[in-house]
Amino acid sequence: MTILAAASGAPMHGLGTANPALSFGHTSYYAGRSAPGVSQRSSGGSIVMTTQFALKVDCSDTQAVLVEIEMTLISPDASYTVIVDGAPLSTMTSATVQRCGSVSEHRLEIEVPKTRPAGPFGSTVSFTAIAR
């Protein structure tokens, strides 16, 4: 499995490494400048930043047609929420299914309450692919 930048998504640093990262830029509830490919909106008492990323799945098992992709949030921070394809991530696994040899785009949202103190935030999402 390879994590890729989506054509319409945020800039990605570290492509081709084990730890690529999306850059959301400098954001704020009242002002801020998101990175290209990142949209932001206010939702109640939170700011929601949204972007796209892509996953490419290659299967070494020639019998496999589908791959179940499990996504887990490593070291979650209770001061904001990470959502992939509408499912909030946590230390519990969230899964999606993808065809072997395909590239799919996924929607990533980060919801941050305006009461959270200013400062950087970062979360690590672990991806695991299981041939089915």
N, C-alpha and C. Protein backbone atom coordinates (compact mmCIF):
# COMPACT_ATOMS: atom_id res chain seq x y z
N MET A 1 0.85 -1.16 0.00
CA MET A 1 0.00 0.00 0.00
C MET A 1 0.90 1.23 0.00
N THR A 2 0.51 2.23 -0.80
CA THR A 2 1.25 3.48 -0.89
C THR A 2 0.28 4.63 -0.65
N ILE A 3 0.68 5.56 0.22
CA ILE A 3 -0.12 6.76 0.47
C ILE A 3 0.36 7.83 -0.50
N LEU A 4 -0.59 8.44 -1.21
CA LEU A 4 -0.27 9.43 -2.24
C LEU A 4 -1.03 10.72 -1.99
N ALA A 5 -0.49 11.81 -2.51
CA ALA A 5 -1.23 13.07 -2.50
C ALA A 5 -2.32 12.97 -3.56
N ALA A 6 -3.49 13.47 -3.26
CA ALA A 6 -4.57 13.52 -4.25
C ALA A 6 -4.39 14.79 -5.07
N ALA A 7 -4.81 14.75 -6.32
CA ALA A 7 -4.66 15.92 -7.19
C ALA A 7 -5.30 17.17 -6.59
N SER A 8 -6.42 17.00 -5.90
CA SER A 8 -7.12 18.14 -5.32
C SER A 8 -6.84 18.29 -3.82
N GLY A 9 -5.86 17.54 -3.29
CA GLY A 9 -5.62 17.52 -1.86
C GLY A 9 -4.50 18.42 -1.39
N ALA A 10 -4.27 18.37 -0.09
CA ALA A 10 -3.22 19.16 0.56
C ALA A 10 -1.85 18.68 0.11
N PRO A 11 -0.85 19.57 0.21
CA PRO A 11 0.52 19.14 -0.09
C PRO A 11 0.94 18.01 0.86
N MET A 12 1.72 17.08 0.35
CA MET A 12 2.18 15.97 1.16
C MET A 12 3.70 15.99 1.18
N HIS A 13 4.24 15.89 2.37
CA HIS A 13 5.69 15.85 2.57
C HIS A 13 6.10 14.42 2.86
N GLY A 14 7.29 14.04 2.44
CA GLY A 14 7.79 12.72 2.74
C GLY A 14 7.21 11.62 1.87
N LEU A 15 6.74 11.98 0.66
CA LEU A 15 6.22 10.94 -0.23
C LEU A 15 7.31 9.91 -0.51
N GLY A 16 6.95 8.66 -0.56
CA GLY A 16 7.91 7.60 -0.81
C GLY A 16 8.62 7.13 0.44
N THR A 17 8.30 7.72 1.59
CA THR A 17 8.89 7.28 2.85
C THR A 17 7.84 6.51 3.64
N ALA A 18 8.23 5.98 4.76
CA ALA A 18 7.29 5.24 5.62
C ALA A 18 6.36 6.17 6.36
N ASN A 19 6.66 7.48 6.40
CA ASN A 19 5.86 8.42 7.17
C ASN A 19 5.52 9.69 6.40
N PRO A 20 4.75 9.59 5.33
CA PRO A 20 4.35 10.83 4.63
C PRO A 20 3.41 11.64 5.51
N ALA A 21 3.38 12.95 5.31
CA ALA A 21 2.54 13.82 6.13
C ALA A 21 1.83 14.85 5.27
N LEU A 22 0.56 15.10 5.58
CA LEU A 22 -0.22 16.15 4.92
C LEU A 22 0.01 17.46 5.64
N SER A 23 0.10 18.55 4.88
CA SER A 23 0.27 19.87 5.48
C SER A 23 -1.03 20.66 5.33
N PHE A 24 -1.60 21.07 6.46
CA PHE A 24 -2.84 21.83 6.45
C PHE A 24 -2.61 23.34 6.47
N GLY A 25 -1.38 23.78 6.64
CA GLY A 25 -1.09 25.21 6.68
C GLY A 25 -1.43 25.79 8.03
N HIS A 26 -1.57 27.12 8.08
CA HIS A 26 -1.91 27.83 9.33
C HIS A 26 -3.40 28.14 9.29
N THR A 27 -4.12 27.60 10.23
CA THR A 27 -5.56 27.78 10.24
C THR A 27 -5.99 28.43 11.55
N SER A 28 -7.17 29.01 11.52
CA SER A 28 -7.72 29.65 12.69
C SER A 28 -9.23 29.69 12.54
N TYR A 29 -9.93 29.70 13.67
CA TYR A 29 -11.39 29.78 13.63
C TYR A 29 -11.83 31.10 13.00
N TYR A 30 -11.13 32.18 13.29
CA TYR A 30 -11.53 33.49 12.80
C TYR A 30 -10.80 33.92 11.54
N ALA A 31 -9.63 33.43 11.34
CA ALA A 31 -8.84 33.77 10.15
C ALA A 31 -7.80 32.68 9.98
N GLY A 32 -7.02 32.79 8.97
CA GLY A 32 -5.98 31.80 8.74
C GLY A 32 -5.88 31.51 7.28
N ARG A 33 -4.79 30.90 6.92
CA ARG A 33 -4.58 30.57 5.52
C ARG A 33 -4.27 29.10 5.41
N SER A 34 -5.24 28.38 4.94
CA SER A 34 -5.05 26.95 4.75
C SER A 34 -4.09 26.72 3.61
N ALA A 35 -3.49 25.55 3.60
CA ALA A 35 -2.64 25.14 2.48
C ALA A 35 -3.52 24.92 1.25
N PRO A 36 -2.94 25.00 0.05
CA PRO A 36 -3.71 24.68 -1.16
C PRO A 36 -4.29 23.28 -1.03
N GLY A 37 -5.51 23.10 -1.49
CA GLY A 37 -6.16 21.80 -1.43
C GLY A 37 -6.84 21.51 -0.12
N VAL A 38 -6.83 22.48 0.81
CA VAL A 38 -7.49 22.32 2.10
C VAL A 38 -8.63 23.33 2.17
N SER A 39 -9.82 22.85 2.49
CA SER A 39 -10.93 23.77 2.71
C SER A 39 -11.19 23.81 4.21
N GLN A 40 -11.68 24.95 4.66
CA GLN A 40 -12.03 25.03 6.07
C GLN A 40 -13.35 25.76 6.21
N ARG A 41 -14.08 25.32 7.24
CA ARG A 41 -15.38 25.93 7.52
C ARG A 41 -15.60 25.91 9.02
N SER A 42 -16.42 26.84 9.47
CA SER A 42 -16.82 26.85 10.88
C SER A 42 -18.06 25.98 11.01
N SER A 43 -18.11 25.21 12.09
CA SER A 43 -19.24 24.33 12.34
C SER A 43 -19.54 24.41 13.83
N GLY A 44 -20.54 25.23 14.19
CA GLY A 44 -20.83 25.41 15.61
C GLY A 44 -19.65 26.06 16.28
N GLY A 45 -19.10 25.42 17.26
CA GLY A 45 -17.95 25.95 17.99
C GLY A 45 -16.63 25.35 17.54
N SER A 46 -16.58 24.82 16.32
CA SER A 46 -15.36 24.18 15.82
C SER A 46 -15.01 24.68 14.43
N ILE A 47 -13.75 24.46 14.06
CA ILE A 47 -13.32 24.65 12.68
C ILE A 47 -13.09 23.24 12.12
N VAL A 48 -13.54 23.02 10.89
CA VAL A 48 -13.37 21.73 10.23
C VAL A 48 -12.51 21.95 9.00
N MET A 49 -11.36 21.29 8.95
CA MET A 49 -10.47 21.36 7.80
C MET A 49 -10.58 20.05 7.03
N THR A 50 -10.71 20.16 5.72
CA THR A 50 -10.96 19.00 4.89
C THR A 50 -9.98 18.95 3.72
N THR A 51 -9.50 17.76 3.40
CA THR A 51 -8.67 17.55 2.23
C THR A 51 -8.85 16.12 1.74
N GLN A 52 -8.24 15.82 0.63
CA GLN A 52 -8.27 14.48 0.04
C GLN A 52 -6.87 13.89 0.10
N PHE A 53 -6.78 12.57 0.18
CA PHE A 53 -5.52 11.85 -0.01
C PHE A 53 -5.85 10.58 -0.77
N ALA A 54 -4.84 9.91 -1.31
CA ALA A 54 -5.07 8.71 -2.11
C ALA A 54 -4.30 7.53 -1.54
N LEU A 55 -4.87 6.35 -1.75
CA LEU A 55 -4.21 5.09 -1.39
C LEU A 55 -4.10 4.22 -2.62
N LYS A 56 -2.89 3.72 -2.87
CA LYS A 56 -2.67 2.78 -3.97
C LYS A 56 -2.38 1.43 -3.34
N VAL A 57 -3.09 0.41 -3.82
CA VAL A 57 -2.92 -0.94 -3.27
C VAL A 57 -2.43 -1.87 -4.36
N ASP A 58 -1.28 -2.48 -4.12
CA ASP A 58 -0.74 -3.51 -5.00
C ASP A 58 -0.74 -4.81 -4.21
N CYS A 59 -1.15 -5.89 -4.84
CA CYS A 59 -1.27 -7.17 -4.14
C CYS A 59 -0.23 -8.15 -4.68
N SER A 60 0.55 -8.73 -3.79
CA SER A 60 1.52 -9.75 -4.19
C SER A 60 0.84 -11.11 -4.34
N ASP A 61 -0.30 -11.27 -3.66
CA ASP A 61 -1.08 -12.50 -3.76
C ASP A 61 -1.93 -12.43 -5.02
N THR A 62 -1.57 -13.21 -6.05
CA THR A 62 -2.28 -13.14 -7.33
C THR A 62 -3.71 -13.64 -7.23
N GLN A 63 -4.04 -14.37 -6.17
CA GLN A 63 -5.40 -14.86 -5.98
C GLN A 63 -6.32 -13.79 -5.38
N ALA A 64 -5.73 -12.78 -4.74
CA ALA A 64 -6.52 -11.75 -4.06
C ALA A 64 -7.11 -10.77 -5.08
N VAL A 65 -8.37 -10.43 -4.86
CA VAL A 65 -9.05 -9.45 -5.70
C VAL A 65 -9.29 -8.17 -4.90
N LEU A 66 -9.61 -8.35 -3.63
CA LEU A 66 -9.91 -7.22 -2.76
C LEU A 66 -8.96 -7.16 -1.58
N VAL A 67 -8.80 -5.95 -1.06
CA VAL A 67 -7.98 -5.72 0.12
C VAL A 67 -8.81 -4.95 1.13
N GLU A 68 -8.80 -5.40 2.37
CA GLU A 68 -9.43 -4.64 3.43
C GLU A 68 -8.35 -3.73 4.03
N ILE A 69 -8.61 -2.43 4.03
CA ILE A 69 -7.67 -1.46 4.56
C ILE A 69 -8.17 -1.03 5.93
N GLU A 70 -7.35 -1.28 6.93
CA GLU A 70 -7.70 -0.89 8.29
C GLU A 70 -6.95 0.39 8.63
N MET A 71 -7.65 1.36 9.24
CA MET A 71 -7.07 2.63 9.64
C MET A 71 -7.26 2.79 11.14
N THR A 72 -6.17 3.10 11.83
CA THR A 72 -6.21 3.26 13.28
C THR A 72 -5.47 4.54 13.64
N LEU A 73 -6.04 5.31 14.54
CA LEU A 73 -5.41 6.53 15.01
C LEU A 73 -4.45 6.17 16.15
N ILE A 74 -3.20 6.49 15.98
CA ILE A 74 -2.18 6.21 16.99
C ILE A 74 -2.06 7.44 17.89
N SER A 75 -2.08 7.25 19.18
CA SER A 75 -1.96 8.33 20.17
C SER A 75 -2.97 9.45 19.92
N PRO A 76 -4.28 9.15 19.98
CA PRO A 76 -5.27 10.19 19.73
C PRO A 76 -5.18 11.32 20.75
N ASP A 77 -5.53 12.52 20.30
CA ASP A 77 -5.54 13.71 21.14
C ASP A 77 -7.01 14.10 21.30
N ALA A 78 -7.49 14.10 22.52
CA ALA A 78 -8.91 14.37 22.78
C ALA A 78 -9.33 15.79 22.44
N SER A 79 -8.37 16.68 22.14
CA SER A 79 -8.72 18.07 21.85
C SER A 79 -9.17 18.29 20.41
N TYR A 80 -9.11 17.27 19.56
CA TYR A 80 -9.64 17.38 18.19
C TYR A 80 -9.99 16.00 17.68
N THR A 81 -10.74 15.97 16.57
CA THR A 81 -11.23 14.71 16.01
C THR A 81 -10.70 14.53 14.59
N VAL A 82 -10.26 13.33 14.26
CA VAL A 82 -9.79 12.97 12.93
C VAL A 82 -10.83 12.04 12.31
N ILE A 83 -11.30 12.39 11.11
CA ILE A 83 -12.37 11.64 10.44
C ILE A 83 -11.90 11.27 9.03
N VAL A 84 -12.04 10.01 8.66
CA VAL A 84 -11.71 9.56 7.30
C VAL A 84 -12.98 8.98 6.68
N ASP A 85 -13.35 9.51 5.54
CA ASP A 85 -14.54 9.06 4.81
C ASP A 85 -15.78 9.01 5.70
N GLY A 86 -15.91 10.00 6.58
CA GLY A 86 -17.08 10.12 7.44
C GLY A 86 -17.02 9.33 8.73
N ALA A 87 -15.98 8.51 8.92
CA ALA A 87 -15.86 7.70 10.13
C ALA A 87 -14.80 8.30 11.06
N PRO A 88 -15.19 8.70 12.27
CA PRO A 88 -14.19 9.20 13.22
C PRO A 88 -13.20 8.09 13.57
N LEU A 89 -11.91 8.41 13.52
CA LEU A 89 -10.90 7.42 13.86
C LEU A 89 -10.60 7.47 15.35
N SER A 90 -10.21 6.35 15.87
CA SER A 90 -9.82 6.25 17.27
C SER A 90 -8.80 5.12 17.36
N THR A 91 -8.53 4.68 18.56
CA THR A 91 -7.64 3.53 18.71
C THR A 91 -8.32 2.25 18.24
N MET A 92 -9.64 2.33 18.00
CA MET A 92 -10.36 1.21 17.40
C MET A 92 -10.19 1.32 15.89
N THR A 93 -10.15 0.21 15.21
CA THR A 93 -9.91 0.18 13.78
C THR A 93 -11.15 0.52 12.97
N SER A 94 -10.96 1.33 11.93
CA SER A 94 -12.00 1.62 10.95
C SER A 94 -11.51 0.98 9.64
N ALA A 95 -12.42 0.42 8.86
CA ALA A 95 -11.97 -0.31 7.67
C ALA A 95 -12.74 0.12 6.42
N THR A 96 -12.07 -0.07 5.29
CA THR A 96 -12.67 0.12 3.98
C THR A 96 -12.12 -0.99 3.07
N VAL A 97 -12.78 -1.25 1.97
CA VAL A 97 -12.34 -2.29 1.05
C VAL A 97 -11.99 -1.65 -0.28
N GLN A 98 -10.90 -2.15 -0.87
CA GLN A 98 -10.43 -1.61 -2.14
C GLN A 98 -9.97 -2.75 -3.04
N ARG A 99 -10.11 -2.57 -4.34
CA ARG A 99 -9.70 -3.58 -5.31
C ARG A 99 -8.17 -3.57 -5.46
N CYS A 100 -7.56 -4.75 -5.56
CA CYS A 100 -6.12 -4.87 -5.77
C CYS A 100 -5.73 -4.13 -7.05
N GLY A 101 -4.62 -3.43 -7.00
CA GLY A 101 -4.11 -2.71 -8.17
C GLY A 101 -4.76 -1.36 -8.40
N SER A 102 -5.61 -0.92 -7.50
CA SER A 102 -6.33 0.34 -7.72
C SER A 102 -5.79 1.47 -6.87
N VAL A 103 -6.19 2.69 -7.26
CA VAL A 103 -5.91 3.89 -6.48
C VAL A 103 -7.26 4.49 -6.12
N SER A 104 -7.45 4.81 -4.84
CA SER A 104 -8.72 5.41 -4.42
C SER A 104 -8.44 6.68 -3.62
N GLU A 105 -9.34 7.65 -3.75
CA GLU A 105 -9.22 8.88 -2.98
C GLU A 105 -10.10 8.80 -1.75
N HIS A 106 -9.62 9.41 -0.68
CA HIS A 106 -10.34 9.40 0.59
C HIS A 106 -10.38 10.81 1.15
N ARG A 107 -11.44 11.09 1.87
CA ARG A 107 -11.67 12.42 2.46
C ARG A 107 -11.20 12.41 3.91
N LEU A 108 -10.32 13.34 4.24
CA LEU A 108 -9.80 13.48 5.61
C LEU A 108 -10.30 14.80 6.18
N GLU A 109 -10.91 14.73 7.35
CA GLU A 109 -11.38 15.92 8.04
C GLU A 109 -10.75 15.96 9.43
N ILE A 110 -10.41 17.15 9.85
CA ILE A 110 -9.94 17.36 11.22
C ILE A 110 -10.83 18.44 11.80
N GLU A 111 -11.51 18.10 12.89
CA GLU A 111 -12.41 19.03 13.57
C GLU A 111 -11.77 19.47 14.88
N VAL A 112 -11.55 20.79 14.99
CA VAL A 112 -10.86 21.35 16.15
C VAL A 112 -11.78 22.37 16.82
N PRO A 113 -12.10 22.19 18.11
CA PRO A 113 -12.93 23.17 18.81
C PRO A 113 -12.20 24.51 18.91
N LYS A 114 -12.96 25.61 18.82
CA LYS A 114 -12.32 26.92 18.90
C LYS A 114 -11.76 27.18 20.30
N THR A 115 -12.14 26.39 21.28
CA THR A 115 -11.62 26.55 22.64
C THR A 115 -10.25 25.90 22.82
N ARG A 116 -9.79 25.13 21.83
CA ARG A 116 -8.47 24.50 21.93
C ARG A 116 -7.41 25.59 21.87
N PRO A 117 -6.40 25.54 22.75
CA PRO A 117 -5.33 26.54 22.70
C PRO A 117 -4.59 26.49 21.36
N ALA A 118 -4.07 27.64 20.95
CA ALA A 118 -3.31 27.72 19.70
C ALA A 118 -2.08 26.83 19.79
N GLY A 119 -1.67 26.32 18.66
CA GLY A 119 -0.47 25.51 18.60
C GLY A 119 -0.61 24.41 17.57
N PRO A 120 0.49 23.79 17.24
CA PRO A 120 0.46 22.74 16.22
C PRO A 120 -0.29 21.50 16.72
N PHE A 121 -0.78 20.74 15.78
CA PHE A 121 -1.37 19.46 16.12
C PHE A 121 -0.94 18.45 15.08
N GLY A 122 -0.90 17.23 15.48
CA GLY A 122 -0.51 16.18 14.55
C GLY A 122 -0.99 14.85 15.09
N SER A 123 -1.45 14.03 14.20
CA SER A 123 -1.88 12.68 14.56
C SER A 123 -1.28 11.72 13.56
N THR A 124 -1.05 10.52 14.02
CA THR A 124 -0.53 9.49 13.15
C THR A 124 -1.64 8.48 12.90
N VAL A 125 -1.89 8.22 11.62
CA VAL A 125 -2.86 7.21 11.23
C VAL A 125 -2.07 6.01 10.70
N SER A 126 -2.33 4.85 11.27
CA SER A 126 -1.70 3.62 10.83
C SER A 126 -2.62 2.93 9.82
N PHE A 127 -2.06 2.50 8.70
CA PHE A 127 -2.80 1.80 7.66
C PHE A 127 -2.29 0.37 7.56
N THR A 128 -3.21 -0.58 7.50
CA THR A 128 -2.85 -1.99 7.32
C THR A 128 -3.72 -2.55 6.21
N ALA A 129 -3.12 -3.31 5.29
CA ALA A 129 -3.87 -3.92 4.19
C ALA A 129 -3.87 -5.43 4.37
N ILE A 130 -5.06 -6.03 4.25
CA ILE A 130 -5.23 -7.46 4.41
C ILE A 130 -5.95 -7.99 3.17
N ALA A 131 -5.28 -8.87 2.43
CA ALA A 131 -5.86 -9.45 1.20
C ALA A 131 -7.06 -10.31 1.58
N ARG A 132 -8.13 -10.18 0.80
CA ARG A 132 -9.36 -10.98 1.03
C ARG A 132 -9.71 -11.79 -0.18
